[in-house]
C-alpha atoms as a PDB file:
ATOM      1  CA  MET A   1      91.880  80.684  78.348  1.00  0.00           C
ATOM      2  CA  ASP A   2      95.502  81.946  78.830  1.00  0.00           C
ATOM      3  CA  TYR A   3      97.137  83.925  81.678  1.00  0.00           C
ATOM      4  CA  ILE A   4      99.800  86.175  82.063  1.00  0.00           C
ATOM      5  CA  LEU A   5     101.327  85.734  86.089  1.00  0.00           C
ATOM      6  CA  TYR A   6     103.974  88.623  86.312  1.00  0.00           C
ATOM      7  CA  THR A   7     106.029  87.707  90.160  1.00  0.00           C
ATOM      8  CA  ILE A   8     109.505  88.694  90.928  1.00  0.00           C
ATOM      9  CA  ASP A   9     111.922  86.615  92.810  1.00  0.00           C
ATOM     10  CA  GLY A  10     111.152  86.206  97.413  1.00  0.00           C
ATOM     11  CA  CYS A  11     107.287  87.498  96.948  1.00  0.00           C
ATOM     12  CA  SER A  12     105.504  84.959  99.221  1.00  0.00           C
ATOM     13  CA  LYS A  13     102.042  86.259  97.530  1.00  0.00           C
ATOM     14  CA  CYS A  14     103.442  85.456  93.708  1.00  0.00           C
ATOM     15  CA  HIS A  15     104.440  82.021  95.369  1.00  0.00           C
ATOM     16  CA  MET A  16     101.178  81.408  96.860  1.00  0.00           C
ATOM     17  CA  VAL A  17      99.973  82.324  93.525  1.00  0.00           C
ATOM     18  CA  ARG A  18     101.768  80.116  91.579  1.00  0.00           C
ATOM     19  CA  LYS A  19     100.919  77.283  93.786  1.00  0.00           C
ATOM     20  CA  TYR A  20      97.185  77.854  93.431  1.00  0.00           C
ATOM     21  CA  LEU A  21      97.836  78.029  89.724  1.00  0.00           C
ATOM     22  CA  LEU A  22      99.461  75.055  89.687  1.00  0.00           C
ATOM     23  CA  GLN A  23      97.556  73.037  91.572  1.00  0.00           C
ATOM     24  CA  GLU A  24      94.407  73.601  90.067  1.00  0.00           C
ATOM     25  CA  ASN A  25      96.143  73.070  86.346  1.00  0.00           C
ATOM     26  CA  ILE A  26      95.120  76.777  85.176  1.00  0.00           C
ATOM     27  CA  PRO A  27      97.775  77.237  82.339  1.00  0.00           C
ATOM     28  CA  PHE A  28      99.919  80.741  82.929  1.00  0.00           C
ATOM     29  CA  LEU A  29     102.992  82.092  81.195  1.00  0.00           C
ATOM     30  CA  GLU A  30     105.090  83.409  84.365  1.00  0.00           C
ATOM     31  CA  ILE A  31     106.795  86.597  83.503  1.00  0.00           C
ATOM     32  CA  ASN A  32     109.420  87.478  86.158  1.00  0.00           C
ATOM     33  CA  ILE A  33     109.871  91.281  85.868  1.00  0.00           C
ATOM     34  CA  LEU A  34     113.164  91.086  88.134  1.00  0.00           C
ATOM     35  CA  LYS A  35     114.828  88.750  85.530  1.00  0.00           C
ATOM     36  CA  ASN A  36     112.587  90.548  82.299  1.00  0.00           C
ATOM     37  CA  PRO A  37     113.020  94.524  83.062  1.00  0.00           C
ATOM     38  CA  SER A  38     111.062  95.151  79.572  1.00  0.00           C
ATOM     39  CA  ALA A  39     108.110  93.268  81.073  1.00  0.00           C
ATOM     40  CA  ALA A  40     107.720  96.135  84.148  1.00  0.00           C
ATOM     41  CA  ILE A  41     107.555  98.579  81.689  1.00  0.00           C
ATOM     42  CA  GLU A  42     104.888  96.241  79.296  1.00  0.00           C
ATOM     43  CA  LEU A  43     102.881  95.913  83.709  1.00  0.00           C
ATOM     44  CA  LYS A  44     102.860  99.663  84.089  1.00  0.00           C
ATOM     45  CA  LYS A  45     101.676 100.513  80.608  1.00  0.00           C
ATOM     46  CA  LYS A  46      98.749  97.604  81.097  1.00  0.00           C
ATOM     47  CA  ILE A  47      98.068  98.456  84.774  1.00  0.00           C
ATOM     48  CA  ASN A  48      99.647 102.157  85.643  1.00  0.00           C
ATOM     49  CA  GLU A  49     102.109 100.870  88.773  1.00  0.00           C
ATOM     50  CA  VAL A  50     104.783  98.249  89.053  1.00  0.00           C
ATOM     51  CA  ILE A  51     103.331  95.602  91.526  1.00  0.00           C
ATOM     52  CA  THR A  52     103.531  91.263  91.934  1.00  0.00           C
ATOM     53  CA  PRO A  53     101.600  89.249  91.976  1.00  0.00           C
ATOM     54  CA  VAL A  54      99.269  90.267  89.021  1.00  0.00           C
ATOM     55  CA  LEU A  55      97.535  88.132  86.810  1.00  0.00           C
ATOM     56  CA  ILE A  56      96.179  89.247  83.511  1.00  0.00           C
ATOM     57  CA  SER A  57      94.121  87.493  80.401  1.00  0.00           C
ATOM     58  CA  ASP A  58      92.606  88.908  77.480  1.00  0.00           C
ATOM     59  CA  ASP A  59      89.297  91.006  79.554  1.00  0.00           C
ATOM     60  CA  ARG A  60      90.762  90.787  83.611  1.00  0.00           C
ATOM     61  CA  VAL A  61      93.529  91.390  85.674  1.00  0.00           C
ATOM     62  CA  ILE A  62      93.729  90.891  89.143  1.00  0.00           C
ATOM     63  CA  VAL A  63      95.921  92.238  91.512  1.00  0.00           C
ATOM     64  CA  GLY A  64      97.631  90.845  94.519  1.00  0.00           C
ATOM     65  CA  SER A  65      95.681  88.274  97.254  1.00  0.00           C
ATOM     66  CA  ASP A  66      92.736  89.058  95.096  1.00  0.00           C
ATOM     67  CA  ILE A  67      93.752  86.405  93.066  1.00  0.00           C
ATOM     68  CA  LEU A  68      93.509  83.613  95.555  1.00  0.00           C
ATOM     69  CA  LEU A  69      89.926  85.354  96.387  1.00  0.00           C
ATOM     70  CA  MET A  70      88.979  84.513  93.072  1.00  0.00           C
ATOM     71  CA  LYS A  71      89.461  80.390  93.512  1.00  0.00           C
ATOM     72  CA  GLY A  72      86.495  78.657  91.429  1.00  0.00           C
ATOM     73  CA  GLU A  73      86.239  81.541  89.254  1.00  0.00           C
ATOM     74  CA  ILE A  74      89.730  81.386  87.357  1.00  0.00           C
ATOM     75  CA  GLN A  75      89.695  78.829  84.719  1.00  0.00           C
END
């Protein structure tokens, strides 16, 4: 499954989620919405707000600390 992780610089939750995904060898594409402003617009269209971290797959959107609560369910 392909995941997109939306992040911003200096976000401790983003850092924790990135670290978890890397430790679990879960492949993801990270998009920093501060470095890619069009990604913020895309994120707003997908979830009706601009917040990080957000993990998106084809059929799932997981926001914030909920990503870490999904341990074992993200593959």
